[in-house]
């Protein structure tokens, strides 16, 4: 299945500005990894070591042409 996310121009621009503020180079590829699985998908929750191994493998494969962006959020009910 292929997912397509269509953004309005102002959403795209806001995202671009945010990524630049984070220090990302927008001329390079970005791989986003969501670190949470939440209570709903407990089998998708990984231990920290698995993320570290994945990032190492991606870095070895992609080299300096790609950047890794980790993102997530609080658990449901947390602030």
N, C-alpha and C. Protein backbone atom coordinates (compact mmCIF):
# COMPACT_ATOMS: atom_id res chain seq x y z
N UNK A 1 0.85 -1.18 0.00
CA UNK A 1 0.00 0.00 0.00
C UNK A 1 0.89 1.24 0.00
N UNK A 2 0.54 2.21 -0.79
CA UNK A 2 1.30 3.45 -0.86
C UNK A 2 0.48 4.56 -0.22
N UNK A 3 1.10 5.29 0.70
CA UNK A 3 0.44 6.39 1.37
C UNK A 3 0.83 7.70 0.70
N UNK A 4 -0.14 8.55 0.49
CA UNK A 4 0.11 9.86 -0.11
C UNK A 4 -0.43 10.92 0.84
N UNK A 5 0.42 11.85 1.20
CA UNK A 5 0.05 12.94 2.09
C UNK A 5 0.11 14.23 1.29
N UNK A 6 -1.02 14.82 1.04
CA UNK A 6 -1.07 16.07 0.29
C UNK A 6 -1.16 17.24 1.27
N UNK A 7 -0.21 18.17 1.14
CA UNK A 7 -0.16 19.33 2.03
C UNK A 7 -0.57 20.58 1.28
N UNK A 8 -1.21 21.49 2.00
CA UNK A 8 -1.46 22.82 1.44
C UNK A 8 -0.14 23.56 1.44
N UNK A 9 -0.02 24.58 0.62
CA UNK A 9 1.24 25.33 0.49
C UNK A 9 1.71 25.87 1.83
N UNK A 10 0.79 26.42 2.65
CA UNK A 10 1.21 26.97 3.94
C UNK A 10 1.66 25.87 4.91
N UNK A 11 1.09 24.67 4.81
CA UNK A 11 1.52 23.56 5.65
C UNK A 11 2.92 23.11 5.25
N UNK A 12 3.15 23.04 3.96
CA UNK A 12 4.47 22.68 3.44
C UNK A 12 5.53 23.68 3.90
N UNK A 13 5.21 24.95 3.79
CA UNK A 13 6.16 26.00 4.17
C UNK A 13 6.44 25.97 5.67
N UNK A 14 5.41 25.77 6.47
CA UNK A 14 5.60 25.67 7.92
C UNK A 14 6.50 24.49 8.27
N UNK A 15 6.30 23.37 7.60
CA UNK A 15 7.13 22.20 7.83
C UNK A 15 8.57 22.43 7.42
N UNK A 16 8.76 23.08 6.28
CA UNK A 16 10.11 23.38 5.80
C UNK A 16 10.86 24.24 6.80
N UNK A 17 10.20 25.28 7.29
CA UNK A 17 10.81 26.18 8.27
C UNK A 17 11.17 25.42 9.55
N UNK A 18 10.27 24.57 9.99
CA UNK A 18 10.50 23.80 11.22
C UNK A 18 11.71 22.87 11.05
N UNK A 19 11.80 22.19 9.92
CA UNK A 19 12.92 21.29 9.69
C UNK A 19 14.24 22.04 9.62
N UNK A 20 14.23 23.21 9.01
CA UNK A 20 15.45 24.02 8.97
C UNK A 20 15.85 24.48 10.36
N UNK A 21 14.87 24.84 11.19
CA UNK A 21 15.17 25.25 12.57
C UNK A 21 15.77 24.10 13.37
N UNK A 22 15.40 22.88 13.03
CA UNK A 22 15.97 21.71 13.69
C UNK A 22 17.39 21.42 13.22
N UNK A 23 17.81 22.13 12.18
CA UNK A 23 19.17 21.96 11.68
C UNK A 23 19.30 20.96 10.55
N UNK A 24 18.20 20.55 9.94
CA UNK A 24 18.27 19.58 8.85
C UNK A 24 18.63 20.28 7.54
N UNK A 25 19.38 19.58 6.73
CA UNK A 25 19.76 20.06 5.41
C UNK A 25 18.71 19.56 4.42
N UNK A 26 17.90 20.45 3.89
CA UNK A 26 16.79 20.03 3.03
C UNK A 26 17.23 19.64 1.63
N UNK A 27 18.52 19.71 1.34
CA UNK A 27 19.02 19.23 0.06
C UNK A 27 19.35 17.74 0.12
N UNK A 28 19.30 17.17 1.33
CA UNK A 28 19.58 15.74 1.52
C UNK A 28 18.28 15.02 1.87
N UNK A 29 18.30 13.73 1.72
CA UNK A 29 17.14 12.92 2.09
C UNK A 29 16.95 12.89 3.60
N UNK A 30 15.71 12.69 4.02
CA UNK A 30 15.38 12.60 5.43
C UNK A 30 14.57 11.32 5.65
N UNK A 31 15.01 10.51 6.61
CA UNK A 31 14.26 9.32 7.00
C UNK A 31 13.68 9.60 8.37
N UNK A 32 12.36 9.59 8.47
CA UNK A 32 11.68 9.82 9.75
C UNK A 32 11.34 8.51 10.42
N UNK A 33 11.65 8.41 11.68
CA UNK A 33 11.33 7.21 12.46
C UNK A 33 10.49 7.62 13.65
N UNK A 34 9.29 7.10 13.72
CA UNK A 34 8.41 7.36 14.86
C UNK A 34 8.72 6.30 15.91
N UNK A 35 9.13 6.74 17.09
CA UNK A 35 9.63 5.81 18.11
C UNK A 35 8.54 5.22 19.00
N UNK A 36 7.31 5.67 18.85
CA UNK A 36 6.25 5.17 19.72
C UNK A 36 5.38 4.13 19.04
N UNK A 37 4.79 3.29 19.84
CA UNK A 37 3.83 2.32 19.36
C UNK A 37 2.51 2.52 20.07
N UNK A 38 2.58 3.23 21.18
CA UNK A 38 1.39 3.49 21.96
C UNK A 38 0.82 2.24 22.59
N UNK A 39 -0.19 2.42 23.39
CA UNK A 39 -0.84 1.29 24.05
C UNK A 39 -1.63 0.45 23.06
N UNK A 40 -2.07 1.07 21.98
CA UNK A 40 -2.89 0.36 21.00
C UNK A 40 -2.06 -0.66 20.21
N UNK A 41 -0.79 -0.33 19.94
CA UNK A 41 0.07 -1.20 19.15
C UNK A 41 1.29 -1.62 19.97
N UNK A 42 1.07 -2.33 21.03
CA UNK A 42 2.17 -2.70 21.93
C UNK A 42 3.22 -3.56 21.24
N UNK A 43 2.83 -4.37 20.25
CA UNK A 43 3.80 -5.21 19.56
C UNK A 43 4.71 -4.38 18.66
N UNK A 44 4.34 -3.14 18.38
CA UNK A 44 5.18 -2.28 17.55
C UNK A 44 6.17 -1.47 18.38
N UNK A 45 6.09 -1.59 19.68
CA UNK A 45 7.01 -0.85 20.54
C UNK A 45 8.36 -1.55 20.54
N UNK A 46 9.39 -0.78 20.25
CA UNK A 46 10.75 -1.32 20.22
C UNK A 46 11.53 -0.85 21.42
N UNK A 47 12.49 -1.67 21.80
CA UNK A 47 13.45 -1.30 22.83
C UNK A 47 14.45 -0.33 22.20
N UNK A 48 15.02 0.53 22.99
CA UNK A 48 15.97 1.55 22.53
C UNK A 48 17.08 0.96 21.65
N UNK A 49 17.57 -0.21 22.02
CA UNK A 49 18.65 -0.84 21.27
C UNK A 49 18.28 -1.17 19.83
N UNK A 50 17.03 -1.53 19.59
CA UNK A 50 16.60 -1.82 18.22
C UNK A 50 16.61 -0.57 17.37
N UNK A 51 16.22 0.57 17.93
CA UNK A 51 16.29 1.83 17.19
C UNK A 51 17.73 2.20 16.88
N UNK A 52 18.60 2.00 17.84
CA UNK A 52 20.02 2.30 17.63
C UNK A 52 20.58 1.45 16.49
N UNK A 53 20.27 0.14 16.50
CA UNK A 53 20.74 -0.74 15.43
C UNK A 53 20.17 -0.33 14.08
N UNK A 54 18.89 0.03 14.03
CA UNK A 54 18.27 0.46 12.78
C UNK A 54 18.96 1.72 12.25
N UNK A 55 19.21 2.68 13.12
CA UNK A 55 19.85 3.93 12.70
C UNK A 55 21.26 3.65 12.19
N UNK A 56 22.00 2.76 12.85
CA UNK A 56 23.34 2.40 12.38
C UNK A 56 23.27 1.77 11.00
N UNK A 57 22.32 0.85 10.80
CA UNK A 57 22.19 0.19 9.50
C UNK A 57 21.82 1.19 8.41
N UNK A 58 20.87 2.08 8.71
CA UNK A 58 20.48 3.09 7.73
C UNK A 58 21.63 4.03 7.41
N UNK A 59 22.39 4.40 8.42
CA UNK A 59 23.54 5.29 8.22
C UNK A 59 24.60 4.62 7.37
N UNK A 60 24.86 3.34 7.64
CA UNK A 60 25.83 2.60 6.84
C UNK A 60 25.37 2.49 5.39
N UNK A 61 24.09 2.25 5.19
CA UNK A 61 23.55 2.07 3.85
C UNK A 61 23.46 3.39 3.08
N UNK A 62 22.99 4.44 3.74
CA UNK A 62 22.73 5.72 3.08
C UNK A 62 23.92 6.68 3.14
N UNK A 63 24.80 6.49 4.09
CA UNK A 63 25.97 7.37 4.23
C UNK A 63 25.54 8.78 4.60
N UNK A 64 26.32 9.74 4.16
CA UNK A 64 26.07 11.14 4.50
C UNK A 64 25.00 11.78 3.61
N UNK A 65 24.42 10.99 2.71
CA UNK A 65 23.39 11.52 1.82
C UNK A 65 22.03 11.60 2.49
N UNK A 66 21.94 11.08 3.69
CA UNK A 66 20.63 11.01 4.34
C UNK A 66 20.74 11.39 5.82
N UNK A 67 19.65 11.91 6.35
CA UNK A 67 19.58 12.31 7.76
C UNK A 67 18.45 11.52 8.42
N UNK A 68 18.64 11.20 9.68
CA UNK A 68 17.64 10.46 10.43
C UNK A 68 16.94 11.43 11.37
N UNK A 69 15.61 11.43 11.33
CA UNK A 69 14.79 12.30 12.19
C UNK A 69 13.92 11.41 13.06
N UNK A 70 14.13 11.47 14.37
CA UNK A 70 13.30 10.73 15.31
C UNK A 70 12.16 11.62 15.77
N UNK A 71 10.97 11.05 15.80
CA UNK A 71 9.84 11.82 16.32
C UNK A 71 8.89 10.91 17.05
N UNK A 72 8.07 11.53 17.88
CA UNK A 72 7.11 10.81 18.69
C UNK A 72 6.34 11.81 19.53
N UNK A 73 5.70 11.32 20.54
CA UNK A 73 4.93 12.21 21.40
C UNK A 73 4.60 11.52 22.71
N UNK A 74 3.90 12.22 23.55
CA UNK A 74 3.53 11.61 24.84
C UNK A 74 2.50 10.51 24.65
N UNK A 75 2.46 9.63 25.61
CA UNK A 75 1.43 8.59 25.58
C UNK A 75 0.08 9.25 25.79
N UNK A 76 -0.93 8.57 25.36
CA UNK A 76 -2.30 9.09 25.51
C UNK A 76 -2.56 9.44 26.97
N UNK A 77 -3.04 10.63 27.19
CA UNK A 77 -3.33 11.07 28.54
C UNK A 77 -2.18 11.79 29.21
N UNK A 78 -0.97 11.72 28.64
CA UNK A 78 0.18 12.42 29.19
C UNK A 78 0.31 13.77 28.51
N UNK A 79 0.99 14.69 29.15
CA UNK A 79 1.23 16.02 28.56
C UNK A 79 2.70 16.27 28.44
